[in-house]
Amino acid sequence: MNRSKQKEAILDVLRNTKSHPTAEWIYTKAREDIPNLSLGTVYRNLSLFVNEGMVNKISVGDGNDHFDFNTKPHSHFVCDNCGSIIDIDLAFDENKIKEYITSDFNGVIRGQRIIFYGLCDDCKDCESNE
């Protein structure tokens, strides 16, 4: 993949956040370094990064695609109140889960995503103070 200033700026934004941003958020941040960057360029490059396996695209049910620079296997937690997306590292054997599922399923499983929903620590504390 050819490197360009635009690609590097987009990757830098993703590298430096754990917030699982949308393309629009990435666009806003990357424009701080490259003012003439277009939203279309951000979308095209994100699609390329996802296809190359450099970035994960996550859909959490809020109508937006979010992007994650952490491509190692992990799960996510989504706060029902503030919408934050938080990485969760679960200690489980991925192969055992696949074995369990495929015991009653004849299809081909190529991966899985686990997303938990509830209240993050900050929102849980705010709710208990009301």
N, C-alpha and C. Protein backbone atom coordinates (compact mmCIF):
# COMPACT_ATOMS: atom_id res chain seq x y z
N MET A 1 0.85 -1.17 0.00
CA MET A 1 0.00 0.00 0.00
C MET A 1 0.89 1.24 0.00
N ASN A 2 0.62 2.14 -0.89
CA ASN A 2 1.37 3.39 -0.95
C ASN A 2 1.03 4.26 0.25
N ARG A 3 2.05 4.86 0.80
CA ARG A 3 1.84 5.78 1.93
C ARG A 3 1.73 7.20 1.39
N SER A 4 0.83 7.95 1.97
CA SER A 4 0.68 9.35 1.61
C SER A 4 0.48 10.13 2.90
N LYS A 5 0.56 11.46 2.81
CA LYS A 5 0.33 12.29 3.99
C LYS A 5 -1.06 12.05 4.56
N GLN A 6 -2.05 11.90 3.66
CA GLN A 6 -3.42 11.69 4.10
C GLN A 6 -3.55 10.36 4.85
N LYS A 7 -3.00 9.30 4.27
CA LYS A 7 -3.08 7.98 4.92
C LYS A 7 -2.39 8.00 6.27
N GLU A 8 -1.22 8.61 6.32
CA GLU A 8 -0.48 8.67 7.59
C GLU A 8 -1.25 9.48 8.63
N ALA A 9 -1.87 10.57 8.22
CA ALA A 9 -2.64 11.39 9.17
C ALA A 9 -3.82 10.61 9.73
N ILE A 10 -4.51 9.87 8.87
CA ILE A 10 -5.66 9.07 9.31
C ILE A 10 -5.20 7.97 10.26
N LEU A 11 -4.11 7.29 9.91
CA LEU A 11 -3.58 6.24 10.79
C LEU A 11 -3.11 6.82 12.12
N ASP A 12 -2.49 7.99 12.09
CA ASP A 12 -2.03 8.63 13.33
C ASP A 12 -3.21 8.93 14.26
N VAL A 13 -4.30 9.41 13.69
CA VAL A 13 -5.49 9.68 14.51
C VAL A 13 -5.96 8.38 15.16
N LEU A 14 -6.03 7.31 14.39
CA LEU A 14 -6.48 6.03 14.94
C LEU A 14 -5.50 5.47 15.97
N ARG A 15 -4.22 5.60 15.69
CA ARG A 15 -3.19 5.11 16.60
C ARG A 15 -3.27 5.78 17.97
N ASN A 16 -3.65 7.04 17.97
CA ASN A 16 -3.59 7.85 19.18
C ASN A 16 -4.91 8.00 19.92
N THR A 17 -5.87 7.13 19.64
CA THR A 17 -7.12 7.16 20.39
C THR A 17 -7.56 5.74 20.71
N LYS A 18 -8.24 5.60 21.79
CA LYS A 18 -8.85 4.32 22.15
C LYS A 18 -10.37 4.43 22.11
N SER A 19 -10.86 5.53 21.51
CA SER A 19 -12.29 5.83 21.58
C SER A 19 -13.14 5.16 20.50
N HIS A 20 -12.56 4.42 19.58
CA HIS A 20 -13.32 3.76 18.52
C HIS A 20 -14.15 4.78 17.73
N PRO A 21 -13.46 5.71 17.08
CA PRO A 21 -14.14 6.85 16.45
C PRO A 21 -14.89 6.50 15.16
N THR A 22 -15.77 7.40 14.78
CA THR A 22 -16.44 7.32 13.48
C THR A 22 -15.55 7.98 12.44
N ALA A 23 -15.87 7.78 11.17
CA ALA A 23 -15.12 8.40 10.08
C ALA A 23 -15.17 9.92 10.20
N GLU A 24 -16.31 10.46 10.59
CA GLU A 24 -16.46 11.92 10.71
C GLU A 24 -15.55 12.47 11.80
N TRP A 25 -15.43 11.77 12.91
CA TRP A 25 -14.55 12.20 14.00
C TRP A 25 -13.10 12.16 13.54
N ILE A 26 -12.73 11.08 12.85
CA ILE A 26 -11.37 10.95 12.32
C ILE A 26 -11.08 12.10 11.35
N TYR A 27 -12.04 12.38 10.49
CA TYR A 27 -11.91 13.47 9.53
C TYR A 27 -11.64 14.80 10.23
N THR A 28 -12.41 15.10 11.27
CA THR A 28 -12.25 16.36 12.00
C THR A 28 -10.86 16.45 12.61
N LYS A 29 -10.40 15.37 13.22
CA LYS A 29 -9.07 15.36 13.86
C LYS A 29 -7.95 15.44 12.82
N ALA A 30 -8.06 14.70 11.74
CA ALA A 30 -7.00 14.67 10.73
C ALA A 30 -6.88 16.01 10.01
N ARG A 31 -7.99 16.73 9.89
CA ARG A 31 -7.95 18.05 9.23
C ARG A 31 -7.15 19.07 10.02
N GLU A 32 -6.90 18.81 11.30
CA GLU A 32 -6.05 19.71 12.08
C GLU A 32 -4.64 19.74 11.48
N ASP A 33 -4.19 18.62 10.91
CA ASP A 33 -2.86 18.55 10.28
C ASP A 33 -2.92 18.76 8.77
N ILE A 34 -4.03 18.35 8.15
CA ILE A 34 -4.18 18.46 6.70
C ILE A 34 -5.52 19.15 6.41
N PRO A 35 -5.53 20.48 6.38
CA PRO A 35 -6.78 21.22 6.24
C PRO A 35 -7.57 20.93 4.96
N ASN A 36 -6.89 20.54 3.89
CA ASN A 36 -7.60 20.29 2.63
C ASN A 36 -8.05 18.83 2.47
N LEU A 37 -7.96 18.05 3.53
CA LEU A 37 -8.40 16.65 3.51
C LEU A 37 -9.92 16.59 3.29
N SER A 38 -10.37 15.67 2.46
CA SER A 38 -11.81 15.52 2.24
C SER A 38 -12.35 14.32 3.01
N LEU A 39 -13.63 14.39 3.33
CA LEU A 39 -14.28 13.28 4.02
C LEU A 39 -14.26 12.03 3.15
N GLY A 40 -14.41 12.20 1.85
CA GLY A 40 -14.35 11.06 0.92
C GLY A 40 -13.02 10.35 0.99
N THR A 41 -11.94 11.11 1.11
CA THR A 41 -10.60 10.51 1.24
C THR A 41 -10.51 9.70 2.51
N VAL A 42 -11.09 10.20 3.59
CA VAL A 42 -11.08 9.47 4.86
C VAL A 42 -11.84 8.15 4.70
N TYR A 43 -13.03 8.20 4.12
CA TYR A 43 -13.81 6.98 3.92
C TYR A 43 -13.07 5.98 3.03
N ARG A 44 -12.50 6.44 1.94
CA ARG A 44 -11.78 5.53 1.03
C ARG A 44 -10.60 4.87 1.73
N ASN A 45 -9.84 5.65 2.49
CA ASN A 45 -8.68 5.10 3.18
C ASN A 45 -9.07 4.18 4.31
N LEU A 46 -10.13 4.51 5.04
CA LEU A 46 -10.60 3.60 6.09
C LEU A 46 -11.02 2.26 5.49
N SER A 47 -11.71 2.31 4.37
CA SER A 47 -12.12 1.08 3.69
C SER A 47 -10.89 0.27 3.28
N LEU A 48 -9.89 0.94 2.76
CA LEU A 48 -8.65 0.27 2.38
C LEU A 48 -7.96 -0.35 3.59
N PHE A 49 -7.89 0.40 4.69
CA PHE A 49 -7.25 -0.12 5.91
C PHE A 49 -7.99 -1.34 6.45
N VAL A 50 -9.32 -1.31 6.39
CA VAL A 50 -10.12 -2.46 6.85
C VAL A 50 -9.84 -3.66 5.95
N ASN A 51 -9.85 -3.46 4.64
CA ASN A 51 -9.59 -4.55 3.69
C ASN A 51 -8.19 -5.13 3.84
N GLU A 52 -7.23 -4.29 4.24
CA GLU A 52 -5.85 -4.74 4.44
C GLU A 52 -5.64 -5.37 5.81
N GLY A 53 -6.66 -5.31 6.68
CA GLY A 53 -6.54 -5.88 8.03
C GLY A 53 -5.77 -4.99 8.99
N MET A 54 -5.57 -3.73 8.64
CA MET A 54 -4.83 -2.80 9.50
C MET A 54 -5.72 -2.17 10.57
N VAL A 55 -7.03 -2.16 10.31
CA VAL A 55 -8.02 -1.51 11.18
C VAL A 55 -9.27 -2.38 11.17
N ASN A 56 -9.97 -2.43 12.29
CA ASN A 56 -11.24 -3.14 12.35
C ASN A 56 -12.39 -2.14 12.26
N LYS A 57 -13.44 -2.54 11.56
CA LYS A 57 -14.68 -1.75 11.52
C LYS A 57 -15.66 -2.43 12.45
N ILE A 58 -16.28 -1.63 13.31
CA ILE A 58 -17.19 -2.16 14.32
C ILE A 58 -18.54 -1.48 14.18
N SER A 59 -19.59 -2.26 14.18
CA SER A 59 -20.95 -1.74 14.23
C SER A 59 -21.54 -2.15 15.56
N VAL A 60 -21.96 -1.17 16.35
CA VAL A 60 -22.45 -1.46 17.70
C VAL A 60 -23.93 -1.18 17.88
N GLY A 61 -24.62 -0.90 16.77
CA GLY A 61 -26.05 -0.70 16.84
C GLY A 61 -26.49 0.74 16.94
N ASP A 62 -25.56 1.69 16.82
CA ASP A 62 -25.94 3.11 16.91
C ASP A 62 -26.09 3.76 15.53
N GLY A 63 -26.01 2.96 14.47
CA GLY A 63 -26.16 3.48 13.12
C GLY A 63 -24.88 3.99 12.51
N ASN A 64 -23.79 3.96 13.23
CA ASN A 64 -22.49 4.42 12.73
C ASN A 64 -21.49 3.28 12.70
N ASP A 65 -20.58 3.35 11.75
CA ASP A 65 -19.43 2.45 11.78
C ASP A 65 -18.36 3.13 12.63
N HIS A 66 -17.74 2.35 13.48
CA HIS A 66 -16.64 2.82 14.32
C HIS A 66 -15.39 2.07 13.88
N PHE A 67 -14.23 2.66 14.15
CA PHE A 67 -12.98 2.07 13.69
C PHE A 67 -12.05 1.88 14.86
N ASP A 68 -11.34 0.74 14.82
CA ASP A 68 -10.49 0.32 15.93
C ASP A 68 -9.12 -0.04 15.38
N PHE A 69 -8.08 0.63 15.87
CA PHE A 69 -6.71 0.35 15.43
C PHE A 69 -6.20 -0.96 16.05
N ASN A 70 -6.81 -1.39 17.14
CA ASN A 70 -6.41 -2.62 17.82
C ASN A 70 -7.03 -3.81 17.07
N THR A 71 -6.22 -4.51 16.29
CA THR A 71 -6.72 -5.64 15.51
C THR A 71 -6.52 -6.99 16.20
N LYS A 72 -5.98 -6.97 17.40
CA LYS A 72 -5.84 -8.22 18.15
C LYS A 72 -7.23 -8.66 18.60
N PRO A 73 -7.45 -9.97 18.75
CA PRO A 73 -8.77 -10.43 19.20
C PRO A 73 -9.14 -9.83 20.56
N HIS A 74 -10.30 -9.18 20.60
CA HIS A 74 -10.82 -8.63 21.85
C HIS A 74 -12.30 -8.34 21.66
N SER A 75 -12.97 -8.11 22.75
CA SER A 75 -14.39 -7.80 22.75
C SER A 75 -14.58 -6.32 23.06
N HIS A 76 -15.83 -5.88 23.03
CA HIS A 76 -16.13 -4.47 23.30
C HIS A 76 -17.28 -4.35 24.27
N PHE A 77 -17.27 -3.24 24.99
CA PHE A 77 -18.37 -2.85 25.86
C PHE A 77 -18.87 -1.51 25.35
N VAL A 78 -20.21 -1.37 25.22
CA VAL A 78 -20.82 -0.12 24.77
C VAL A 78 -21.72 0.39 25.89
N CYS A 79 -21.48 1.63 26.29
CA CYS A 79 -22.29 2.24 27.35
C CYS A 79 -23.62 2.68 26.77
N ASP A 80 -24.71 2.23 27.38
CA ASP A 80 -26.06 2.59 26.95
C ASP A 80 -26.35 4.08 27.17
N ASN A 81 -25.63 4.71 28.08
CA ASN A 81 -25.89 6.10 28.43
C ASN A 81 -25.06 7.07 27.58
N CYS A 82 -23.74 6.96 27.63
CA CYS A 82 -22.88 7.93 26.95
C CYS A 82 -22.40 7.46 25.58
N GLY A 83 -22.58 6.17 25.27
CA GLY A 83 -22.20 5.64 23.97
C GLY A 83 -20.73 5.29 23.82
N SER A 84 -19.95 5.42 24.88
CA SER A 84 -18.53 5.10 24.77
C SER A 84 -18.35 3.61 24.46
N ILE A 85 -17.29 3.32 23.72
CA ILE A 85 -16.95 1.95 23.35
C ILE A 85 -15.60 1.65 24.00
N ILE A 86 -15.55 0.59 24.77
CA ILE A 86 -14.37 0.26 25.56
C ILE A 86 -13.90 -1.15 25.20
N ASP A 87 -12.59 -1.30 24.98
CA ASP A 87 -12.02 -2.61 24.72
C ASP A 87 -12.09 -3.49 25.97
N ILE A 88 -12.42 -4.75 25.76
CA ILE A 88 -12.40 -5.74 26.84
C ILE A 88 -11.58 -6.93 26.36
N ASP A 89 -10.53 -7.24 27.09
CA ASP A 89 -9.73 -8.41 26.78
C ASP A 89 -10.27 -9.57 27.60
N LEU A 90 -10.83 -10.56 26.91
CA LEU A 90 -11.36 -11.73 27.58
C LEU A 90 -10.38 -12.87 27.45
N ALA A 91 -10.19 -13.58 28.54
CA ALA A 91 -9.30 -14.74 28.51
C ALA A 91 -10.14 -15.97 28.21
N PHE A 92 -10.27 -16.30 26.92
CA PHE A 92 -10.99 -17.51 26.55
C PHE A 92 -10.32 -18.11 25.32
N ASP A 93 -10.56 -19.39 25.15
CA ASP A 93 -9.99 -20.10 24.02
C ASP A 93 -10.95 -19.99 22.84
N GLU A 94 -10.57 -19.22 21.84
CA GLU A 94 -11.40 -18.99 20.67
C GLU A 94 -11.76 -20.30 19.97
N ASN A 95 -10.84 -21.25 19.95
CA ASN A 95 -11.10 -22.53 19.29
C ASN A 95 -12.16 -23.33 20.03
N LYS A 96 -12.19 -23.25 21.36
CA LYS A 96 -13.21 -23.97 22.13
C LYS A 96 -14.60 -23.40 21.86
N ILE A 97 -14.69 -22.08 21.74
CA ILE A 97 -15.97 -21.47 21.41
C ILE A 97 -16.43 -21.95 20.04
N LYS A 98 -15.54 -21.96 19.06
CA LYS A 98 -15.89 -22.42 17.71
C LYS A 98 -16.32 -23.89 17.74
N GLU A 99 -15.60 -24.72 18.51
CA GLU A 99 -15.98 -26.14 18.63
C GLU A 99 -17.38 -26.27 19.21
N TYR A 100 -17.67 -25.50 20.25
CA TYR A 100 -18.97 -25.55 20.90
C TYR A 100 -20.08 -25.16 19.92
N ILE A 101 -19.90 -24.07 19.21
CA ILE A 101 -20.91 -23.59 18.27
C ILE A 101 -21.07 -24.56 17.10
N THR A 102 -19.97 -25.04 16.55
CA THR A 102 -20.06 -25.91 15.38
C THR A 102 -20.59 -27.30 15.70
N SER A 103 -20.71 -27.64 16.98
CA SER A 103 -21.27 -28.95 17.30
C SER A 103 -22.73 -29.04 16.86
N ASP A 104 -23.46 -27.93 16.80
CA ASP A 104 -24.85 -27.90 16.35
C ASP A 104 -25.07 -27.02 15.13
N PHE A 105 -23.98 -26.59 14.49
CA PHE A 105 -24.07 -25.65 13.36
C PHE A 105 -23.22 -26.18 12.22
N ASN A 106 -23.82 -26.32 11.04
CA ASN A 106 -23.11 -26.92 9.93
C ASN A 106 -22.41 -25.92 9.02
N GLY A 107 -22.53 -24.64 9.28
CA GLY A 107 -21.90 -23.62 8.45
C GLY A 107 -20.42 -23.49 8.75
N VAL A 108 -19.80 -22.49 8.18
CA VAL A 108 -18.38 -22.22 8.40
C VAL A 108 -18.26 -20.92 9.19
N ILE A 109 -17.64 -21.00 10.34
CA ILE A 109 -17.42 -19.82 11.16
C ILE A 109 -16.02 -19.30 10.90
N ARG A 110 -15.94 -18.02 10.54
CA ARG A 110 -14.64 -17.41 10.24
C ARG A 110 -14.19 -16.45 11.33
N GLY A 111 -15.03 -16.20 12.29
CA GLY A 111 -14.68 -15.29 13.37
C GLY A 111 -15.90 -14.98 14.21
N GLN A 112 -15.71 -14.15 15.22
CA GLN A 112 -16.83 -13.74 16.05
C GLN A 112 -16.53 -12.38 16.65
N ARG A 113 -17.59 -11.71 17.03
CA ARG A 113 -17.46 -10.44 17.74
C ARG A 113 -18.41 -10.50 18.92
N ILE A 114 -17.89 -10.16 20.07
CA ILE A 114 -18.71 -10.14 21.27
C ILE A 114 -18.78 -8.69 21.75
N ILE A 115 -20.01 -8.20 21.91
CA ILE A 115 -20.22 -6.83 22.37
C ILE A 115 -21.14 -6.88 23.59
N PHE A 116 -20.66 -6.29 24.68
CA PHE A 116 -21.44 -6.18 25.91
C PHE A 116 -22.04 -4.78 25.97
N TYR A 117 -23.22 -4.67 26.56
CA TYR A 117 -23.91 -3.38 26.70
C TYR A 117 -24.27 -3.18 28.16
N GLY A 118 -24.26 -1.94 28.61
CA GLY A 118 -24.63 -1.60 29.98
C GLY A 118 -24.20 -0.19 30.29
N LEU A 119 -23.78 0.05 31.51
CA LEU A 119 -23.32 1.38 31.93
C LEU A 119 -21.83 1.32 32.24
N CYS A 120 -21.09 2.27 31.66
CA CYS A 120 -19.66 2.35 31.96
C CYS A 120 -19.48 2.81 33.41
N ASP A 121 -18.27 2.79 33.88
CA ASP A 121 -17.98 3.14 35.27
C ASP A 121 -18.45 4.55 35.61
N ASP A 122 -18.16 5.52 34.72
CA ASP A 122 -18.57 6.91 34.97
C ASP A 122 -20.09 7.05 35.02
N CYS A 123 -20.78 6.46 34.06
CA CYS A 123 -22.24 6.58 34.02
C CYS A 123 -22.90 5.81 35.15
N LYS A 124 -22.33 4.70 35.53
CA LYS A 124 -22.85 3.92 36.66
C LYS A 124 -22.77 4.75 37.94
N ASP A 125 -21.64 5.45 38.13
CA ASP A 125 -21.48 6.28 39.31
C ASP A 125 -22.43 7.47 39.29
N CYS A 126 -22.64 8.08 38.11
CA CYS A 126 -23.58 9.21 37.99
C CYS A 126 -25.00 8.78 38.30
N GLU A 127 -25.38 7.60 37.80
CA GLU A 127 -26.73 7.10 38.02
C GLU A 127 -27.00 6.80 39.48
N SER A 128 -25.98 6.28 40.17
CA SER A 128 -26.16 5.93 41.59
C SER A 128 -26.20 7.18 42.47
N ASN A 129 -25.70 8.33 41.95
CA ASN A 129 -25.73 9.58 42.72
C ASN A 129 -27.03 10.36 42.54
N GLU A 130 -27.91 9.92 41.68
CA GLU A 130 -29.16 10.65 41.43
C GLU A 130 -30.20 10.32 42.46
